[in-house]
Amino acid sequence: MPYPEELVAPMRAELTSLGVEELRTAAAVDTFMKQNHGTAMVIVNSVCGCAAGGARPGVRLALQSPNRPDRIATVFAGQDQEATAKARSYFSDIPPSSPCVALFKDGELVHFVPRHLIEGRSPQMIAQELKSAFEEHCVKA
């Protein structure tokens, strides 16, 4: 059962306030993913401590980079279940984890940060991993 919306709203806002597009339905995920030119990042958000202490702050720091994805979206695991399942279907060879971050280039998965690489790592470490992926795959903004 999902958490009450008033509890998760600030967790959603941590990403949407950065300009990250929130995808709350499977159709919205498909629409986002069908624009498969350039780079796209999908963040699977979560209520867990590693999302609050590492993933969301790490994404915030990474997005300060001059290299960043063309499009960025998020789904919320445990809240928007259909959207999350649809997002995970685009990287179905990887076991589900949340939080996690997937980077696509021209519709192809090129980098993935699963939960086990988020847990116990500082936001700066997570940001550095994402920035390295951005430098490799994203054109300067």
N, C-alpha and C. Protein backbone atom coordinates (compact mmCIF):
# COMPACT_ATOMS: atom_id res chain seq x y z
N MET A 1 0.84 -1.18 0.00
CA MET A 1 0.00 0.00 0.00
C MET A 1 0.89 1.25 0.00
N PRO A 2 0.61 2.19 -0.87
CA PRO A 2 1.42 3.41 -0.94
C PRO A 2 1.33 4.24 0.34
N TYR A 3 2.39 4.99 0.57
CA TYR A 3 2.39 5.95 1.68
C TYR A 3 1.43 7.08 1.35
N PRO A 4 0.94 7.79 2.38
CA PRO A 4 0.07 8.94 2.11
C PRO A 4 0.82 9.99 1.27
N GLU A 5 0.10 10.60 0.34
CA GLU A 5 0.72 11.55 -0.57
C GLU A 5 1.36 12.72 0.18
N GLU A 6 0.77 13.15 1.28
CA GLU A 6 1.36 14.28 2.02
C GLU A 6 2.73 13.92 2.60
N LEU A 7 2.99 12.65 2.81
CA LEU A 7 4.29 12.20 3.29
C LEU A 7 5.33 12.20 2.17
N VAL A 8 4.94 11.76 0.99
CA VAL A 8 5.91 11.64 -0.11
C VAL A 8 6.04 12.89 -0.97
N ALA A 9 5.11 13.83 -0.83
CA ALA A 9 5.16 15.04 -1.66
C ALA A 9 6.51 15.76 -1.56
N PRO A 10 7.08 15.94 -0.36
CA PRO A 10 8.39 16.60 -0.31
C PRO A 10 9.50 15.78 -0.99
N MET A 11 9.37 14.46 -0.96
CA MET A 11 10.36 13.60 -1.62
C MET A 11 10.25 13.72 -3.13
N ARG A 12 9.04 13.86 -3.63
CA ARG A 12 8.83 14.09 -5.05
C ARG A 12 9.43 15.45 -5.44
N ALA A 13 9.14 16.46 -4.59
CA ALA A 13 9.56 17.83 -4.88
C ALA A 13 11.07 18.00 -4.90
N GLU A 14 11.80 17.15 -4.18
CA GLU A 14 13.27 17.25 -4.22
C GLU A 14 13.79 17.10 -5.64
N LEU A 15 13.11 16.32 -6.45
CA LEU A 15 13.53 16.13 -7.84
C LEU A 15 12.79 17.06 -8.79
N THR A 16 11.48 17.20 -8.63
CA THR A 16 10.74 18.03 -9.56
C THR A 16 11.15 19.50 -9.45
N SER A 17 11.60 19.93 -8.28
CA SER A 17 12.05 21.32 -8.13
C SER A 17 13.32 21.59 -8.93
N LEU A 18 13.99 20.52 -9.34
CA LEU A 18 15.19 20.63 -10.17
C LEU A 18 14.85 20.62 -11.67
N GLY A 19 13.56 20.51 -11.98
CA GLY A 19 13.15 20.44 -13.37
C GLY A 19 13.01 19.01 -13.88
N VAL A 20 13.11 18.04 -12.98
CA VAL A 20 12.94 16.64 -13.36
C VAL A 20 11.46 16.38 -13.58
N GLU A 21 11.14 15.76 -14.72
CA GLU A 21 9.75 15.47 -15.07
C GLU A 21 9.27 14.25 -14.30
N GLU A 22 8.15 14.40 -13.62
CA GLU A 22 7.60 13.27 -12.88
C GLU A 22 6.65 12.49 -13.77
N LEU A 23 6.87 11.19 -13.86
CA LEU A 23 6.05 10.30 -14.68
C LEU A 23 5.23 9.43 -13.72
N ARG A 24 3.93 9.63 -13.72
CA ARG A 24 3.09 8.95 -12.74
C ARG A 24 2.23 7.84 -13.35
N THR A 25 2.29 7.68 -14.67
CA THR A 25 1.53 6.61 -15.32
C THR A 25 2.43 5.86 -16.30
N ALA A 26 2.01 4.65 -16.62
CA ALA A 26 2.77 3.86 -17.60
C ALA A 26 2.78 4.57 -18.95
N ALA A 27 1.67 5.19 -19.32
CA ALA A 27 1.61 5.91 -20.60
C ALA A 27 2.59 7.07 -20.63
N ALA A 28 2.74 7.77 -19.52
CA ALA A 28 3.69 8.88 -19.45
C ALA A 28 5.12 8.37 -19.61
N VAL A 29 5.42 7.22 -19.03
CA VAL A 29 6.75 6.63 -19.17
C VAL A 29 7.00 6.28 -20.64
N ASP A 30 6.05 5.63 -21.27
CA ASP A 30 6.20 5.28 -22.68
C ASP A 30 6.40 6.51 -23.55
N THR A 31 5.65 7.55 -23.31
CA THR A 31 5.80 8.79 -24.08
C THR A 31 7.20 9.35 -23.90
N PHE A 32 7.68 9.39 -22.67
CA PHE A 32 9.03 9.89 -22.39
C PHE A 32 10.08 9.04 -23.09
N MET A 33 9.96 7.73 -22.99
CA MET A 33 10.98 6.83 -23.53
C MET A 33 10.93 6.73 -25.05
N LYS A 34 9.79 7.00 -25.65
CA LYS A 34 9.70 6.93 -27.12
C LYS A 34 10.42 8.09 -27.80
N GLN A 35 10.72 9.13 -27.05
CA GLN A 35 11.54 10.23 -27.58
C GLN A 35 12.99 9.76 -27.43
N ASN A 36 13.39 8.80 -28.22
CA ASN A 36 14.66 8.11 -27.97
C ASN A 36 15.85 8.68 -28.74
N HIS A 37 15.88 9.98 -28.92
CA HIS A 37 17.06 10.62 -29.50
C HIS A 37 17.75 11.40 -28.38
N GLY A 38 19.06 11.46 -28.43
CA GLY A 38 19.81 12.15 -27.38
C GLY A 38 19.89 11.31 -26.12
N THR A 39 20.09 12.00 -25.00
CA THR A 39 20.26 11.30 -23.74
C THR A 39 19.07 11.55 -22.81
N ALA A 40 18.77 10.53 -22.04
CA ALA A 40 17.66 10.60 -21.08
C ALA A 40 18.07 9.87 -19.81
N MET A 41 17.70 10.43 -18.69
CA MET A 41 17.97 9.79 -17.40
C MET A 41 16.63 9.54 -16.72
N VAL A 42 16.49 8.34 -16.15
CA VAL A 42 15.30 7.98 -15.39
C VAL A 42 15.76 7.62 -13.98
N ILE A 43 15.17 8.30 -13.01
CA ILE A 43 15.48 8.07 -11.61
C ILE A 43 14.30 7.34 -10.99
N VAL A 44 14.56 6.19 -10.39
CA VAL A 44 13.52 5.50 -9.63
C VAL A 44 13.67 5.98 -8.19
N ASN A 45 12.76 6.83 -7.77
CA ASN A 45 12.77 7.44 -6.45
C ASN A 45 12.16 6.47 -5.43
N SER A 46 12.38 6.75 -4.16
CA SER A 46 11.91 5.86 -3.12
C SER A 46 11.83 6.61 -1.79
N VAL A 47 11.10 6.05 -0.83
CA VAL A 47 11.01 6.66 0.50
C VAL A 47 12.16 6.24 1.41
N CYS A 48 12.99 5.34 0.98
CA CYS A 48 14.04 4.79 1.85
C CYS A 48 15.11 5.82 2.20
N GLY A 49 15.86 5.51 3.22
CA GLY A 49 16.91 6.40 3.68
C GLY A 49 18.01 6.63 2.67
N CYS A 50 18.34 5.62 1.86
CA CYS A 50 19.42 5.83 0.88
C CYS A 50 18.96 6.74 -0.26
N ALA A 51 17.66 6.83 -0.50
CA ALA A 51 17.16 7.80 -1.48
C ALA A 51 17.27 9.20 -0.89
N ALA A 52 16.89 9.34 0.38
CA ALA A 52 16.92 10.66 1.03
C ALA A 52 18.34 11.14 1.29
N GLY A 53 19.20 10.22 1.74
CA GLY A 53 20.55 10.61 2.12
C GLY A 53 21.57 10.56 1.01
N GLY A 54 21.28 9.83 -0.06
CA GLY A 54 22.26 9.67 -1.12
C GLY A 54 21.76 9.97 -2.51
N ALA A 55 20.71 9.26 -2.93
CA ALA A 55 20.29 9.35 -4.34
C ALA A 55 19.80 10.74 -4.72
N ARG A 56 18.80 11.26 -4.02
CA ARG A 56 18.27 12.57 -4.42
C ARG A 56 19.31 13.68 -4.28
N PRO A 57 20.05 13.75 -3.16
CA PRO A 57 21.10 14.78 -3.09
C PRO A 57 22.21 14.57 -4.13
N GLY A 58 22.53 13.32 -4.42
CA GLY A 58 23.55 13.02 -5.43
C GLY A 58 23.11 13.46 -6.81
N VAL A 59 21.85 13.23 -7.15
CA VAL A 59 21.31 13.68 -8.44
C VAL A 59 21.36 15.21 -8.49
N ARG A 60 20.96 15.85 -7.42
CA ARG A 60 20.97 17.32 -7.38
C ARG A 60 22.38 17.85 -7.68
N LEU A 61 23.40 17.27 -7.03
CA LEU A 61 24.78 17.70 -7.28
C LEU A 61 25.22 17.40 -8.71
N ALA A 62 24.87 16.24 -9.20
CA ALA A 62 25.28 15.84 -10.56
C ALA A 62 24.69 16.77 -11.61
N LEU A 63 23.47 17.23 -11.38
CA LEU A 63 22.80 18.07 -12.37
C LEU A 63 23.39 19.48 -12.44
N GLN A 64 24.32 19.80 -11.57
CA GLN A 64 25.03 21.07 -11.64
C GLN A 64 26.16 21.01 -12.67
N SER A 65 26.41 19.83 -13.21
CA SER A 65 27.46 19.62 -14.20
C SER A 65 27.10 20.29 -15.53
N PRO A 66 28.09 20.81 -16.25
CA PRO A 66 27.79 21.35 -17.59
C PRO A 66 27.37 20.25 -18.57
N ASN A 67 27.80 19.03 -18.30
CA ASN A 67 27.34 17.87 -19.08
C ASN A 67 26.17 17.27 -18.32
N ARG A 68 25.05 17.16 -18.99
CA ARG A 68 23.88 16.55 -18.34
C ARG A 68 22.96 15.99 -19.41
N PRO A 69 22.09 15.08 -19.03
CA PRO A 69 21.18 14.49 -20.01
C PRO A 69 20.24 15.53 -20.62
N ASP A 70 19.80 15.25 -21.84
CA ASP A 70 18.86 16.13 -22.53
C ASP A 70 17.51 16.15 -21.82
N ARG A 71 17.11 14.99 -21.33
CA ARG A 71 15.80 14.85 -20.68
C ARG A 71 15.99 14.05 -19.40
N ILE A 72 15.24 14.42 -18.35
CA ILE A 72 15.38 13.75 -17.07
C ILE A 72 13.98 13.53 -16.50
N ALA A 73 13.73 12.32 -16.05
CA ALA A 73 12.41 12.00 -15.48
C ALA A 73 12.58 11.12 -14.26
N THR A 74 11.51 11.03 -13.50
CA THR A 74 11.50 10.19 -12.32
C THR A 74 10.17 9.45 -12.18
N VAL A 75 10.26 8.28 -11.61
CA VAL A 75 9.08 7.52 -11.18
C VAL A 75 9.29 7.24 -9.70
N PHE A 76 8.22 6.97 -8.97
CA PHE A 76 8.32 6.79 -7.53
C PHE A 76 7.90 5.36 -7.18
N ALA A 77 8.89 4.55 -6.82
CA ALA A 77 8.63 3.15 -6.46
C ALA A 77 7.73 3.08 -5.23
N GLY A 78 6.81 2.16 -5.24
CA GLY A 78 5.90 1.97 -4.13
C GLY A 78 4.73 2.95 -4.13
N GLN A 79 4.81 3.98 -4.93
CA GLN A 79 3.75 4.98 -5.01
C GLN A 79 3.04 4.89 -6.35
N ASP A 80 3.79 5.08 -7.40
CA ASP A 80 3.23 5.04 -8.76
C ASP A 80 3.67 3.72 -9.38
N GLN A 81 2.99 2.66 -8.97
CA GLN A 81 3.46 1.30 -9.27
C GLN A 81 3.46 0.97 -10.75
N GLU A 82 2.43 1.36 -11.49
CA GLU A 82 2.40 1.07 -12.93
C GLU A 82 3.50 1.82 -13.66
N ALA A 83 3.72 3.07 -13.30
CA ALA A 83 4.78 3.86 -13.93
C ALA A 83 6.15 3.25 -13.62
N THR A 84 6.33 2.83 -12.39
CA THR A 84 7.61 2.24 -12.00
C THR A 84 7.85 0.93 -12.75
N ALA A 85 6.84 0.10 -12.82
CA ALA A 85 6.98 -1.16 -13.56
C ALA A 85 7.30 -0.90 -15.03
N LYS A 86 6.65 0.09 -15.61
CA LYS A 86 6.91 0.41 -17.02
C LYS A 86 8.33 0.93 -17.19
N ALA A 87 8.78 1.81 -16.30
CA ALA A 87 10.15 2.31 -16.38
C ALA A 87 11.14 1.17 -16.27
N ARG A 88 10.92 0.27 -15.33
CA ARG A 88 11.84 -0.87 -15.15
C ARG A 88 11.84 -1.78 -16.37
N SER A 89 10.75 -1.79 -17.14
CA SER A 89 10.72 -2.65 -18.33
C SER A 89 11.74 -2.18 -19.37
N TYR A 90 12.20 -0.95 -19.29
CA TYR A 90 13.20 -0.44 -20.22
C TYR A 90 14.62 -0.84 -19.81
N PHE A 91 14.76 -1.42 -18.62
CA PHE A 91 16.05 -2.00 -18.21
C PHE A 91 15.78 -3.31 -17.48
N SER A 92 14.99 -4.15 -18.14
CA SER A 92 14.48 -5.38 -17.52
C SER A 92 15.54 -6.45 -17.30
N ASP A 93 16.71 -6.32 -17.92
CA ASP A 93 17.77 -7.29 -17.69
C ASP A 93 18.44 -7.08 -16.34
N ILE A 94 18.12 -5.99 -15.67
CA ILE A 94 18.72 -5.65 -14.38
C ILE A 94 17.67 -5.89 -13.30
N PRO A 95 18.03 -6.59 -12.23
CA PRO A 95 17.04 -6.82 -11.15
C PRO A 95 16.51 -5.49 -10.60
N PRO A 96 15.22 -5.44 -10.29
CA PRO A 96 14.63 -4.20 -9.77
C PRO A 96 15.30 -3.76 -8.46
N SER A 97 15.55 -2.48 -8.37
CA SER A 97 16.04 -1.90 -7.13
C SER A 97 15.57 -0.46 -7.08
N SER A 98 15.40 0.01 -5.87
CA SER A 98 15.04 1.42 -5.71
C SER A 98 15.70 1.90 -4.42
N PRO A 99 16.28 3.05 -4.51
CA PRO A 99 16.38 3.90 -5.68
C PRO A 99 17.39 3.36 -6.68
N CYS A 100 17.34 3.90 -7.87
CA CYS A 100 18.34 3.60 -8.89
C CYS A 100 18.25 4.69 -9.96
N VAL A 101 19.27 4.73 -10.80
CA VAL A 101 19.33 5.74 -11.86
C VAL A 101 19.76 5.05 -13.15
N ALA A 102 19.02 5.28 -14.22
CA ALA A 102 19.33 4.71 -15.53
C ALA A 102 19.59 5.84 -16.52
N LEU A 103 20.68 5.71 -17.28
CA LEU A 103 21.01 6.70 -18.30
C LEU A 103 20.93 6.02 -19.66
N PHE A 104 20.19 6.65 -20.57
CA PHE A 104 19.99 6.14 -21.91
C PHE A 104 20.58 7.10 -22.93
N LYS A 105 21.11 6.54 -24.01
CA LYS A 105 21.55 7.35 -25.14
C LYS A 105 20.91 6.77 -26.40
N ASP A 106 20.18 7.61 -27.09
CA ASP A 106 19.45 7.19 -28.30
C ASP A 106 18.63 5.93 -28.04
N GLY A 107 17.99 5.89 -26.87
CA GLY A 107 17.10 4.79 -26.51
C GLY A 107 17.77 3.57 -25.93
N GLU A 108 19.09 3.56 -25.86
CA GLU A 108 19.82 2.39 -25.36
C GLU A 108 20.40 2.68 -23.97
N LEU A 109 20.24 1.74 -23.06
CA LEU A 109 20.79 1.90 -21.71
C LEU A 109 22.31 1.90 -21.79
N VAL A 110 22.94 2.98 -21.27
CA VAL A 110 24.39 3.09 -21.33
C VAL A 110 25.05 3.13 -19.95
N HIS A 111 24.27 3.41 -18.91
CA HIS A 111 24.83 3.44 -17.56
C HIS A 111 23.70 3.20 -16.57
N PHE A 112 24.02 2.47 -15.50
CA PHE A 112 23.00 2.16 -14.49
C PHE A 112 23.64 2.20 -13.12
N VAL A 113 22.97 2.87 -12.19
CA VAL A 113 23.42 2.93 -10.80
C VAL A 113 22.34 2.26 -9.95
N PRO A 114 22.58 1.01 -9.52
CA PRO A 114 21.59 0.31 -8.70
C PRO A 114 21.69 0.72 -7.23
N ARG A 115 20.73 0.29 -6.48
CA ARG A 115 20.67 0.62 -5.05
C ARG A 115 21.96 0.27 -4.32
N HIS A 116 22.54 -0.88 -4.62
CA HIS A 116 23.73 -1.28 -3.85
C HIS A 116 24.93 -0.36 -4.09
N LEU A 117 24.89 0.45 -5.15
CA LEU A 117 25.93 1.45 -5.37
C LEU A 117 25.52 2.82 -4.85
N ILE A 118 24.35 2.89 -4.25
CA ILE A 118 23.87 4.13 -3.62
C ILE A 118 23.96 4.00 -2.09
N GLU A 119 23.54 2.85 -1.58
CA GLU A 119 23.56 2.62 -0.12
C GLU A 119 24.96 2.83 0.44
N GLY A 120 25.03 3.62 1.51
CA GLY A 120 26.29 3.81 2.19
C GLY A 120 27.27 4.74 1.51
N ARG A 121 26.89 5.30 0.38
CA ARG A 121 27.77 6.24 -0.34
C ARG A 121 27.27 7.66 -0.13
N SER A 122 28.19 8.59 -0.10
CA SER A 122 27.82 9.99 0.09
C SER A 122 27.19 10.55 -1.19
N PRO A 123 26.41 11.62 -1.06
CA PRO A 123 25.87 12.27 -2.26
C PRO A 123 26.98 12.68 -3.23
N GLN A 124 28.13 13.09 -2.71
CA GLN A 124 29.24 13.50 -3.56
C GLN A 124 29.77 12.32 -4.38
N MET A 125 29.83 11.16 -3.77
CA MET A 125 30.30 9.97 -4.50
C MET A 125 29.31 9.57 -5.59
N ILE A 126 28.05 9.62 -5.26
CA ILE A 126 27.01 9.29 -6.24
C ILE A 126 27.03 10.30 -7.37
N ALA A 127 27.15 11.58 -7.01
CA ALA A 127 27.20 12.63 -8.03
C ALA A 127 28.40 12.44 -8.95
N GLN A 128 29.54 12.06 -8.38
CA GLN A 128 30.74 11.88 -9.21
C GLN A 128 30.54 10.74 -10.20
N GLU A 129 29.91 9.67 -9.76
CA GLU A 129 29.64 8.56 -10.69
C GLU A 129 28.72 9.03 -11.82
N LEU A 130 27.68 9.77 -11.47
CA LEU A 130 26.76 10.27 -12.50
C LEU A 130 27.45 11.26 -13.42
N LYS A 131 28.26 12.16 -12.86
CA LYS A 131 28.97 13.14 -13.68
C LYS A 131 29.91 12.45 -14.66
N SER A 132 30.56 11.39 -14.22
CA SER A 132 31.45 10.62 -15.12
C SER A 132 30.65 10.03 -16.28
N ALA A 133 29.48 9.50 -15.97
CA ALA A 133 28.61 8.95 -17.03
C ALA A 133 28.14 10.06 -17.96
N PHE A 134 27.81 11.24 -17.39
CA PHE A 134 27.38 12.37 -18.22
C PHE A 134 28.52 12.80 -19.14
N GLU A 135 29.73 12.86 -18.62
CA GLU A 135 30.87 13.28 -19.44
C GLU A 135 31.09 12.33 -20.60
N GLU A 136 30.85 11.05 -20.37
CA GLU A 136 31.05 10.05 -21.41
C GLU A 136 29.93 10.07 -22.46
N HIS A 137 28.70 10.31 -22.01
CA HIS A 137 27.55 10.09 -22.90
C HIS A 137 26.74 11.35 -23.27
N CYS A 138 26.91 12.45 -22.54
CA CYS A 138 26.05 13.63 -22.75
C CYS A 138 26.86 14.78 -23.36
N VAL A 139 26.21 15.51 -24.22
CA VAL A 139 26.81 16.69 -24.83
C VAL A 139 26.70 17.84 -23.83
N LYS A 140 27.69 18.72 -23.81
CA LYS A 140 27.65 19.86 -22.89
C LYS A 140 26.40 20.69 -23.12
N ALA A 141 25.84 21.14 -22.00
CA ALA A 141 24.61 21.97 -22.04
C ALA A 141 24.93 23.37 -22.54
